[in-house]
N, C-alpha and C. Protein backbone atom coordinates (compact mmCIF):
# COMPACT_ATOMS: atom_id res chain seq x y z
N MET A 1 0.81 -1.21 0.00
CA MET A 1 0.00 0.00 0.00
C MET A 1 0.85 1.26 0.00
N LYS A 2 1.90 1.29 0.80
CA LYS A 2 2.74 2.47 0.89
C LYS A 2 3.37 2.80 -0.45
N THR A 3 3.76 1.78 -1.21
CA THR A 3 4.36 1.99 -2.52
C THR A 3 3.36 2.65 -3.46
N ARG A 4 2.13 2.20 -3.45
CA ARG A 4 1.07 2.76 -4.31
C ARG A 4 0.83 4.23 -3.98
N ILE A 5 0.78 4.60 -2.73
CA ILE A 5 0.57 5.98 -2.31
C ILE A 5 1.74 6.84 -2.76
N ALA A 6 2.95 6.36 -2.63
CA ALA A 6 4.12 7.12 -3.05
C ALA A 6 4.10 7.38 -4.54
N ILE A 7 3.70 6.39 -5.33
CA ILE A 7 3.63 6.56 -6.79
C ILE A 7 2.57 7.60 -7.12
N ASP A 8 1.41 7.55 -6.46
CA ASP A 8 0.36 8.52 -6.72
C ASP A 8 0.81 9.93 -6.36
N VAL A 9 1.54 10.10 -5.27
CA VAL A 9 2.04 11.42 -4.88
C VAL A 9 3.04 11.92 -5.92
N VAL A 10 3.93 11.02 -6.40
CA VAL A 10 4.90 11.41 -7.43
C VAL A 10 4.17 11.81 -8.70
N SER A 11 3.15 11.03 -9.09
CA SER A 11 2.37 11.37 -10.28
C SER A 11 1.69 12.72 -10.12
N LEU A 12 1.14 12.95 -8.94
CA LEU A 12 0.46 14.21 -8.67
C LEU A 12 1.44 15.38 -8.75
N LEU A 13 2.62 15.22 -8.17
CA LEU A 13 3.63 16.29 -8.23
C LEU A 13 4.09 16.53 -9.66
N ALA A 14 4.27 15.48 -10.45
CA ALA A 14 4.69 15.62 -11.84
C ALA A 14 3.62 16.34 -12.65
N THR A 15 2.35 15.99 -12.42
CA THR A 15 1.24 16.66 -13.11
C THR A 15 1.17 18.13 -12.73
N ALA A 16 1.32 18.42 -11.45
CA ALA A 16 1.29 19.82 -11.00
C ALA A 16 2.43 20.61 -11.61
N ALA A 17 3.62 20.03 -11.70
CA ALA A 17 4.76 20.72 -12.30
C ALA A 17 4.51 20.98 -13.78
N ALA A 18 3.93 20.01 -14.47
CA ALA A 18 3.63 20.19 -15.90
C ALA A 18 2.60 21.29 -16.10
N LEU A 19 1.55 21.31 -15.28
CA LEU A 19 0.54 22.36 -15.39
C LEU A 19 1.12 23.73 -15.08
N ALA A 20 1.99 23.81 -14.12
CA ALA A 20 2.64 25.09 -13.79
C ALA A 20 3.50 25.56 -14.96
N ALA A 21 4.18 24.64 -15.62
CA ALA A 21 5.01 25.02 -16.77
C ALA A 21 4.15 25.52 -17.91
N VAL A 22 3.01 24.86 -18.17
CA VAL A 22 2.11 25.31 -19.23
C VAL A 22 1.55 26.68 -18.89
N ALA A 23 1.14 26.89 -17.64
CA ALA A 23 0.58 28.18 -17.23
C ALA A 23 1.61 29.29 -17.37
N SER A 24 2.86 28.99 -17.08
CA SER A 24 3.88 30.04 -17.17
C SER A 24 4.22 30.38 -18.60
N CYS A 25 3.85 29.54 -19.56
CA CYS A 25 4.13 29.80 -20.97
C CYS A 25 2.93 30.40 -21.68
N SER A 26 1.91 30.77 -20.97
CA SER A 26 0.72 31.31 -21.60
C SER A 26 0.98 32.72 -22.11
N ASN A 27 -0.01 33.56 -22.10
CA ASN A 27 0.11 34.92 -22.64
C ASN A 27 1.06 35.80 -21.85
N ASP A 28 1.62 35.31 -20.75
CA ASP A 28 2.57 36.12 -20.00
C ASP A 28 3.77 36.48 -20.86
N ASP A 29 4.08 35.63 -21.87
CA ASP A 29 5.18 35.93 -22.77
C ASP A 29 4.90 37.22 -23.55
N LEU A 30 3.65 37.58 -23.72
CA LEU A 30 3.28 38.81 -24.41
C LEU A 30 3.04 39.94 -23.42
N GLY A 31 3.29 39.73 -22.16
CA GLY A 31 2.98 40.75 -21.16
C GLY A 31 1.50 40.81 -20.92
N ALA A 32 0.86 39.65 -20.78
CA ALA A 32 -0.60 39.57 -20.74
C ALA A 32 -1.23 40.29 -19.56
N THR A 33 -0.53 40.44 -18.45
CA THR A 33 -1.10 41.15 -17.32
C THR A 33 -0.04 42.06 -16.72
N VAL A 34 -0.38 43.32 -16.55
CA VAL A 34 0.54 44.31 -15.98
C VAL A 34 -0.22 45.09 -14.92
N ALA A 35 0.32 45.15 -13.70
CA ALA A 35 -0.33 45.89 -12.62
C ALA A 35 -0.09 47.38 -12.78
N LEU A 36 -1.10 48.18 -12.48
CA LEU A 36 -1.01 49.64 -12.54
C LEU A 36 -1.13 50.22 -11.14
N ALA A 37 -0.72 51.44 -10.97
CA ALA A 37 -0.73 52.09 -9.66
C ALA A 37 -2.13 52.52 -9.23
N ASP A 38 -3.08 52.64 -10.16
CA ASP A 38 -4.40 53.17 -9.82
C ASP A 38 -5.42 52.11 -9.40
N GLY A 39 -4.94 50.92 -8.98
CA GLY A 39 -5.87 49.88 -8.54
C GLY A 39 -6.44 49.06 -9.68
N ARG A 40 -5.88 49.22 -10.85
CA ARG A 40 -6.32 48.44 -12.01
C ARG A 40 -5.12 47.69 -12.55
N ARG A 41 -5.39 46.73 -13.41
CA ARG A 41 -4.33 46.00 -14.08
C ARG A 41 -4.64 45.94 -15.56
N GLN A 42 -3.60 45.86 -16.36
CA GLN A 42 -3.79 45.74 -17.80
C GLN A 42 -3.81 44.26 -18.17
N ALA A 43 -4.63 43.93 -19.15
CA ALA A 43 -4.69 42.57 -19.67
C ALA A 43 -4.94 42.65 -21.16
N LEU A 44 -4.37 41.70 -21.91
CA LEU A 44 -4.62 41.67 -23.34
C LEU A 44 -6.11 41.46 -23.60
N ALA A 45 -6.63 42.19 -24.57
CA ALA A 45 -8.06 42.11 -24.90
C ALA A 45 -8.32 40.96 -25.86
N PRO A 46 -9.46 40.31 -25.75
CA PRO A 46 -9.84 39.32 -26.77
C PRO A 46 -10.15 40.05 -28.07
N ILE A 47 -9.74 39.50 -29.20
CA ILE A 47 -9.94 40.14 -30.50
C ILE A 47 -11.08 39.45 -31.23
N GLU A 48 -12.05 40.24 -31.63
CA GLU A 48 -13.23 39.73 -32.35
C GLU A 48 -13.07 39.82 -33.86
N ALA A 49 -12.46 40.92 -34.34
CA ALA A 49 -12.32 41.11 -35.79
C ALA A 49 -11.22 42.13 -36.06
N ALA A 50 -10.67 42.04 -37.26
CA ALA A 50 -9.68 43.02 -37.72
C ALA A 50 -9.87 43.24 -39.21
N GLU A 51 -9.81 44.48 -39.61
CA GLU A 51 -10.02 44.84 -41.02
C GLU A 51 -8.96 45.85 -41.44
N ILE A 52 -8.30 45.59 -42.56
CA ILE A 52 -7.31 46.52 -43.10
C ILE A 52 -8.04 47.67 -43.80
N VAL A 53 -7.62 48.88 -43.51
CA VAL A 53 -8.17 50.07 -44.15
C VAL A 53 -7.04 50.71 -44.95
N VAL A 54 -7.29 50.92 -46.26
CA VAL A 54 -6.29 51.56 -47.12
C VAL A 54 -6.79 52.96 -47.44
N ARG A 55 -5.99 53.93 -47.07
CA ARG A 55 -6.33 55.33 -47.35
C ARG A 55 -5.63 55.72 -48.65
N GLU A 56 -6.43 56.12 -49.62
CA GLU A 56 -5.89 56.46 -50.94
C GLU A 56 -5.14 57.77 -50.89
N SER A 57 -3.84 57.69 -50.75
CA SER A 57 -2.96 58.84 -50.76
C SER A 57 -1.68 58.41 -51.46
N SER A 58 -0.75 59.27 -51.56
CA SER A 58 0.51 58.91 -52.19
C SER A 58 1.65 59.19 -51.23
N PRO A 59 2.29 58.20 -50.67
CA PRO A 59 2.00 56.78 -50.81
C PRO A 59 0.76 56.40 -50.00
N PRO A 60 0.16 55.24 -50.32
CA PRO A 60 -1.03 54.81 -49.57
C PRO A 60 -0.72 54.68 -48.08
N GLN A 61 -1.67 55.07 -47.26
CA GLN A 61 -1.56 54.93 -45.81
C GLN A 61 -2.43 53.75 -45.39
N TYR A 62 -1.95 53.01 -44.41
CA TYR A 62 -2.66 51.82 -43.95
C TYR A 62 -3.08 51.98 -42.50
N ALA A 63 -4.20 51.34 -42.18
CA ALA A 63 -4.71 51.34 -40.82
C ALA A 63 -5.38 49.99 -40.59
N VAL A 64 -5.62 49.66 -39.33
CA VAL A 64 -6.34 48.44 -38.98
C VAL A 64 -7.49 48.83 -38.07
N LYS A 65 -8.70 48.45 -38.46
CA LYS A 65 -9.87 48.64 -37.60
C LYS A 65 -10.02 47.35 -36.80
N ILE A 66 -9.91 47.47 -35.48
CA ILE A 66 -9.93 46.30 -34.60
C ILE A 66 -11.17 46.35 -33.72
N THR A 67 -11.90 45.26 -33.72
CA THR A 67 -13.00 45.10 -32.78
C THR A 67 -12.50 44.16 -31.68
N SER A 68 -12.43 44.70 -30.48
CA SER A 68 -11.93 43.90 -29.36
C SER A 68 -13.01 43.75 -28.31
N GLY A 69 -12.86 42.73 -27.47
CA GLY A 69 -13.86 42.42 -26.46
C GLY A 69 -13.58 43.11 -25.14
N LEU A 70 -14.65 43.37 -24.44
CA LEU A 70 -14.64 43.84 -23.06
C LEU A 70 -15.33 42.73 -22.28
N PRO A 71 -14.56 41.82 -21.66
CA PRO A 71 -15.12 40.59 -21.09
C PRO A 71 -16.18 40.75 -20.00
N ASN A 72 -16.24 41.93 -19.37
CA ASN A 72 -17.26 42.14 -18.34
C ASN A 72 -17.46 43.65 -18.15
N GLY A 73 -18.37 44.01 -17.26
CA GLY A 73 -18.70 45.42 -17.06
C GLY A 73 -17.59 46.25 -16.44
N CYS A 74 -16.59 45.62 -15.87
CA CYS A 74 -15.46 46.35 -15.28
C CYS A 74 -14.33 46.60 -16.28
N ALA A 75 -14.33 45.90 -17.40
CA ALA A 75 -13.26 46.03 -18.39
C ALA A 75 -13.40 47.34 -19.16
N LYS A 76 -12.27 48.00 -19.37
CA LYS A 76 -12.22 49.23 -20.14
C LYS A 76 -11.09 49.14 -21.16
N PHE A 77 -11.37 49.58 -22.39
CA PHE A 77 -10.32 49.63 -23.40
C PHE A 77 -9.25 50.61 -22.92
N GLU A 78 -7.97 50.22 -23.08
CA GLU A 78 -6.86 51.06 -22.64
C GLU A 78 -6.09 51.66 -23.82
N ARG A 79 -5.51 50.80 -24.68
CA ARG A 79 -4.68 51.32 -25.77
C ARG A 79 -4.29 50.19 -26.72
N ILE A 80 -3.67 50.61 -27.84
CA ILE A 80 -3.10 49.67 -28.81
C ILE A 80 -1.63 50.04 -28.99
N ASP A 81 -0.75 49.06 -28.81
CA ASP A 81 0.68 49.25 -29.05
C ASP A 81 1.02 48.69 -30.42
N ILE A 82 1.90 49.39 -31.17
CA ILE A 82 2.35 48.96 -32.49
C ILE A 82 3.82 48.60 -32.41
N VAL A 83 4.16 47.40 -32.90
CA VAL A 83 5.55 46.96 -32.91
C VAL A 83 5.87 46.44 -34.32
N PRO A 84 6.39 47.30 -35.23
CA PRO A 84 6.77 46.82 -36.56
C PRO A 84 7.90 45.79 -36.44
N ASN A 85 7.81 44.75 -37.25
CA ASN A 85 8.77 43.66 -37.15
C ASN A 85 8.96 43.03 -38.53
N GLY A 86 9.61 43.74 -39.46
CA GLY A 86 9.83 43.20 -40.80
C GLY A 86 8.53 43.04 -41.55
N LYS A 87 8.24 41.81 -41.98
CA LYS A 87 7.02 41.52 -42.73
C LYS A 87 5.81 41.30 -41.83
N VAL A 88 5.98 41.53 -40.54
CA VAL A 88 4.89 41.35 -39.58
C VAL A 88 4.69 42.67 -38.84
N VAL A 89 3.44 43.07 -38.69
CA VAL A 89 3.11 44.21 -37.85
C VAL A 89 2.46 43.62 -36.61
N ASP A 90 3.15 43.73 -35.48
CA ASP A 90 2.63 43.20 -34.22
C ASP A 90 1.85 44.30 -33.50
N LEU A 91 0.62 44.00 -33.13
CA LEU A 91 -0.20 44.93 -32.36
C LEU A 91 -0.59 44.26 -31.05
N ARG A 92 -0.65 45.03 -30.02
CA ARG A 92 -1.13 44.53 -28.73
C ARG A 92 -2.28 45.44 -28.30
N VAL A 93 -3.42 44.84 -28.07
CA VAL A 93 -4.61 45.57 -27.65
C VAL A 93 -4.82 45.29 -26.17
N TRP A 94 -4.88 46.38 -25.39
CA TRP A 94 -4.95 46.26 -23.94
C TRP A 94 -6.28 46.77 -23.39
N ASN A 95 -6.80 46.05 -22.42
CA ASN A 95 -7.91 46.50 -21.57
C ASN A 95 -7.35 46.71 -20.17
N THR A 96 -8.11 47.42 -19.34
CA THR A 96 -7.80 47.45 -17.92
C THR A 96 -8.96 46.82 -17.17
N LEU A 97 -8.62 46.20 -16.04
CA LEU A 97 -9.58 45.54 -15.17
C LEU A 97 -9.21 45.88 -13.73
N PRO A 98 -10.12 45.71 -12.80
CA PRO A 98 -9.75 45.93 -11.40
C PRO A 98 -8.59 45.00 -11.01
N ALA A 99 -7.63 45.51 -10.28
CA ALA A 99 -6.49 44.69 -9.86
C ALA A 99 -6.91 43.62 -8.87
N GLU A 100 -7.89 43.95 -8.04
CA GLU A 100 -8.37 43.01 -7.04
C GLU A 100 -9.29 42.00 -7.71
N LYS A 101 -8.98 40.73 -7.56
CA LYS A 101 -9.73 39.67 -8.23
C LYS A 101 -11.17 39.50 -7.72
N GLY A 102 -11.46 39.87 -6.48
CA GLY A 102 -12.76 39.64 -5.88
C GLY A 102 -13.81 40.69 -6.20
N ILE A 103 -13.52 41.68 -7.02
CA ILE A 103 -14.46 42.74 -7.35
C ILE A 103 -15.63 42.16 -8.17
N ALA A 104 -16.84 42.52 -7.80
CA ALA A 104 -18.03 42.07 -8.53
C ALA A 104 -18.21 42.92 -9.78
N CYS A 105 -18.30 42.26 -10.92
CA CYS A 105 -18.50 42.95 -12.20
C CYS A 105 -19.70 42.33 -12.91
N THR A 106 -20.45 43.14 -13.63
CA THR A 106 -21.55 42.58 -14.41
C THR A 106 -20.97 41.66 -15.47
N MET A 107 -21.64 40.58 -15.73
CA MET A 107 -21.16 39.61 -16.71
C MET A 107 -21.78 39.91 -18.07
N ILE A 108 -21.57 41.11 -18.53
CA ILE A 108 -22.06 41.54 -19.84
C ILE A 108 -20.84 41.70 -20.74
N TYR A 109 -20.78 40.91 -21.80
CA TYR A 109 -19.66 40.98 -22.74
C TYR A 109 -19.93 42.10 -23.73
N GLY A 110 -19.00 43.03 -23.81
CA GLY A 110 -19.14 44.14 -24.74
C GLY A 110 -18.01 44.13 -25.75
N THR A 111 -18.13 44.99 -26.73
CA THR A 111 -17.05 45.16 -27.71
C THR A 111 -16.79 46.63 -27.92
N THR A 112 -15.63 46.92 -28.44
CA THR A 112 -15.27 48.28 -28.80
C THR A 112 -14.49 48.24 -30.10
N ALA A 113 -14.69 49.22 -30.97
CA ALA A 113 -13.97 49.29 -32.24
C ALA A 113 -13.01 50.48 -32.20
N ASN A 114 -11.77 50.22 -32.56
CA ASN A 114 -10.74 51.26 -32.60
C ASN A 114 -9.92 51.08 -33.87
N THR A 115 -9.50 52.19 -34.43
CA THR A 115 -8.66 52.14 -35.62
C THR A 115 -7.29 52.66 -35.27
N VAL A 116 -6.27 51.90 -35.67
CA VAL A 116 -4.89 52.29 -35.41
C VAL A 116 -4.20 52.52 -36.76
N ASN A 117 -3.57 53.68 -36.90
CA ASN A 117 -2.85 54.00 -38.13
C ASN A 117 -1.50 53.31 -38.15
N LEU A 118 -1.19 52.67 -39.28
CA LEU A 118 0.08 51.99 -39.44
C LEU A 118 1.07 52.83 -40.25
N GLY A 119 0.58 53.85 -40.95
CA GLY A 119 1.45 54.70 -41.74
C GLY A 119 1.55 54.23 -43.19
N GLY A 120 2.55 54.75 -43.90
CA GLY A 120 2.70 54.44 -45.31
C GLY A 120 4.11 54.00 -45.68
N HIS A 121 4.86 53.52 -44.73
CA HIS A 121 6.26 53.17 -44.94
C HIS A 121 6.48 51.74 -45.44
N PHE A 122 5.45 51.11 -46.00
CA PHE A 122 5.54 49.72 -46.40
C PHE A 122 6.07 49.59 -47.83
N GLU A 123 6.86 48.56 -48.08
CA GLU A 123 7.48 48.32 -49.38
C GLU A 123 6.43 47.81 -50.37
N ARG A 124 6.32 48.52 -51.50
CA ARG A 124 5.33 48.20 -52.52
C ARG A 124 5.50 46.76 -53.01
N GLY A 125 4.36 46.03 -53.11
CA GLY A 125 4.36 44.66 -53.58
C GLY A 125 4.67 43.61 -52.52
N ARG A 126 5.07 44.04 -51.36
CA ARG A 126 5.41 43.11 -50.27
C ARG A 126 4.16 42.82 -49.45
N THR A 127 4.00 41.57 -49.04
CA THR A 127 2.86 41.16 -48.23
C THR A 127 3.24 41.19 -46.76
N TYR A 128 2.35 41.75 -45.97
CA TYR A 128 2.57 41.91 -44.52
C TYR A 128 1.47 41.20 -43.75
N ASP A 129 1.86 40.55 -42.66
CA ASP A 129 0.90 39.95 -41.74
C ASP A 129 0.66 40.93 -40.60
N VAL A 130 -0.57 41.03 -40.17
CA VAL A 130 -0.91 41.83 -39.00
C VAL A 130 -1.26 40.85 -37.89
N ARG A 131 -0.41 40.82 -36.89
CA ARG A 131 -0.58 39.91 -35.77
C ARG A 131 -1.07 40.73 -34.58
N ILE A 132 -2.20 40.31 -34.02
CA ILE A 132 -2.79 41.03 -32.90
C ILE A 132 -2.81 40.10 -31.69
N ASN A 133 -2.17 40.54 -30.63
CA ASN A 133 -2.07 39.75 -29.40
C ASN A 133 -1.57 38.33 -29.69
N GLY A 134 -0.60 38.25 -30.60
CA GLY A 134 0.05 36.97 -30.87
C GLY A 134 -0.55 36.12 -31.96
N GLU A 135 -1.69 36.52 -32.53
CA GLU A 135 -2.34 35.74 -33.58
C GLU A 135 -2.45 36.56 -34.85
N THR A 136 -2.15 35.96 -36.00
CA THR A 136 -2.31 36.64 -37.29
C THR A 136 -3.80 36.80 -37.56
N LYS A 137 -4.22 38.05 -37.68
CA LYS A 137 -5.66 38.35 -37.88
C LYS A 137 -5.95 38.95 -39.25
N ALA A 138 -4.91 39.46 -39.95
CA ALA A 138 -5.13 40.07 -41.26
C ALA A 138 -3.81 40.06 -42.03
N THR A 139 -3.92 40.19 -43.35
CA THR A 139 -2.76 40.26 -44.23
C THR A 139 -3.06 41.31 -45.30
N PHE A 140 -2.04 42.03 -45.72
CA PHE A 140 -2.22 42.96 -46.82
C PHE A 140 -0.95 43.03 -47.66
N THR A 141 -1.14 43.39 -48.93
CA THR A 141 -0.01 43.61 -49.84
C THR A 141 0.07 45.10 -50.09
N ALA A 142 1.23 45.69 -49.82
CA ALA A 142 1.39 47.13 -49.98
C ALA A 142 1.30 47.52 -51.45
N ARG A 143 0.63 48.65 -51.69
CA ARG A 143 0.46 49.15 -53.06
C ARG A 143 1.50 50.18 -53.38
């Protein structure tokens, strides 16, 4: 009996270690949660849709219209960060939430639409991926 219990404890510890490793590799690599001084914390927003907007100018200017989620009544849209990276445009869409986990929030899922200008510095004929919060959501070929 003692041998069986020891094996189960070892299995349990191994499973817990594996789950901890998976949890540590989640969105934290993207800075998924950042504490703020005002009693709120930043968290990556869920992305519902993304649409490339081409402004007819010379050279053409590009923008992305992003519809992001507000997971509950306490969530507020914060900002969009742009990180150009070669053939990929990385965007991070942030919400803020109460820092304290026990705060009661209405469970009403909302959305917000925001447009972020990407500029016109793209190489003509080259295809670019737009990655939002780590996932490719749109692609465009520069004109």
